[in-house]
C-alpha cells in the first residue's frame, strides 16, 4: 500500500492589496459645487473601502480651481508625486 504524506502549509500567504487613491475637483467654491465635491469624496471613499483587494491610499481634492492645467492643481500634483514615490499602486 502506498504511503501518503500530507504537508501542512506554514501559513497563509499575505494578500498584497493594491493601494488605491482618488482625485476629485470642482471648479468653483459655490455651495452647489462644494456639495458636489463632498458627494465625489464620499463616493470614492465608499468604493475603495468596499473592495477587499484595495487599500485606501488617500483622497486628493482641489476646490475652486480650473481644470485647464494640471500645474495649477496642487492636490493633483501631490497625488502624481505620491504615485511616482510608490505610495499609490502595487506593493
Protein backbone atom coordinates (compact mmCIF):
# COMPACT_ATOMS: atom_id res chain seq x y z
CA UNK A 1 0.00 0.00 0.00
CA UNK A 2 1.42 3.45 -0.92
CA UNK A 3 2.39 5.88 1.82
CA UNK A 4 0.79 9.30 1.62
CA UNK A 5 2.49 12.20 3.37
CA UNK A 6 0.40 15.27 3.95
CA UNK A 7 2.35 18.52 4.08
CA UNK A 8 0.63 21.25 6.07
CA UNK A 9 1.01 24.85 4.89
CA UNK A 10 3.21 27.06 7.02
CA UNK A 11 0.75 29.92 6.97
CA UNK A 12 -1.50 31.81 4.67
CA UNK A 13 0.29 33.85 2.08
CA UNK A 14 -0.21 37.53 2.71
CA UNK A 15 -2.51 39.03 0.16
CA UNK A 16 -0.92 42.11 -1.31
CA UNK A 17 -3.54 44.76 -1.71
CA UNK A 18 -3.34 47.45 -4.35
CA UNK A 19 -3.06 50.92 -2.80
CA UNK A 20 -5.78 53.00 -4.40
CA UNK A 21 -6.33 56.75 -4.20
CA UNK A 22 -8.88 59.09 -5.75
CA UNK A 23 -8.80 62.64 -7.05
CA UNK A 24 -11.80 64.98 -7.01
CA UNK A 25 -12.18 68.54 -8.23
CA UNK A 26 -14.74 71.29 -8.57
CA UNK A 27 -14.06 74.47 -10.48
CA UNK A 28 -15.79 76.95 -8.17
CA UNK A 29 -16.34 77.25 -4.45
CA UNK A 30 -20.09 77.83 -4.73
CA UNK A 31 -22.32 75.95 -2.30
CA UNK A 32 -23.63 73.74 -5.11
CA UNK A 33 -20.13 72.82 -6.25
CA UNK A 34 -18.97 72.14 -2.69
CA UNK A 35 -21.88 69.73 -2.25
CA UNK A 36 -20.74 68.03 -5.46
CA UNK A 37 -17.22 67.77 -4.06
CA UNK A 38 -18.48 66.14 -0.85
CA UNK A 39 -20.53 63.70 -2.93
CA UNK A 40 -17.48 62.81 -5.03
CA UNK A 41 -15.30 62.29 -1.95
CA UNK A 42 -17.90 60.11 -0.25
CA UNK A 43 -18.39 58.02 -3.39
CA UNK A 44 -14.69 57.30 -3.82
CA UNK A 45 -14.10 56.54 -0.13
CA UNK A 46 -17.03 54.10 -0.14
CA UNK A 47 -15.97 52.48 -3.44
CA UNK A 48 -12.36 51.99 -2.40
CA UNK A 49 -13.29 50.84 1.10
CA UNK A 50 -15.74 48.25 -0.27
CA UNK A 51 -13.15 46.42 -2.34
CA UNK A 52 -11.29 43.84 -0.22
CA UNK A 53 -8.40 43.80 -2.70
CA UNK A 54 -7.74 47.53 -2.25
CA UNK A 55 -6.10 49.54 0.49
CA UNK A 56 -7.17 53.19 0.81
CA UNK A 57 -4.12 55.31 -0.07
CA UNK A 58 -5.68 58.75 0.15
CA UNK A 59 -8.16 61.19 -1.20
CA UNK A 60 -6.85 64.20 -3.07
CA UNK A 61 -9.07 67.12 -3.99
CA UNK A 62 -8.94 70.66 -5.25
CA UNK A 63 -11.82 73.07 -4.88
CA UNK A 64 -12.41 76.27 -6.79
CA UNK A 65 -9.60 75.54 -9.22
CA UNK A 66 -9.85 75.45 -13.00
CA UNK A 67 -9.05 72.14 -14.64
CA UNK A 68 -7.27 73.56 -17.66
CA UNK A 69 -3.71 72.93 -16.41
CA UNK A 70 -2.52 70.24 -14.03
CA UNK A 71 0.19 72.54 -12.68
CA UNK A 72 -2.46 74.80 -11.13
CA UNK A 73 -3.99 71.90 -9.17
CA UNK A 74 -1.84 71.27 -6.07
CA UNK A 75 -3.69 68.15 -4.86
CA UNK A 76 -3.39 66.53 -8.28
CA UNK A 77 0.32 67.27 -8.34
CA UNK A 78 0.71 65.75 -4.82
CA UNK A 79 -1.11 62.63 -5.98
CA UNK A 80 1.14 62.30 -9.03
CA UNK A 81 4.21 62.68 -6.82
CA UNK A 82 2.86 60.06 -4.40
CA UNK A 83 2.35 57.68 -7.34
CA UNK A 84 5.91 58.25 -8.51
CA UNK A 85 7.17 57.63 -4.96
CA UNK A 86 5.32 54.32 -4.70
CA UNK A 87 2.71 55.42 -2.16
CA UNK A 88 -0.11 54.57 -4.58
CA UNK A 89 -0.36 51.47 -6.76
CA UNK A 90 1.01 47.97 -6.43
CA UNK A 91 3.14 46.97 -3.49
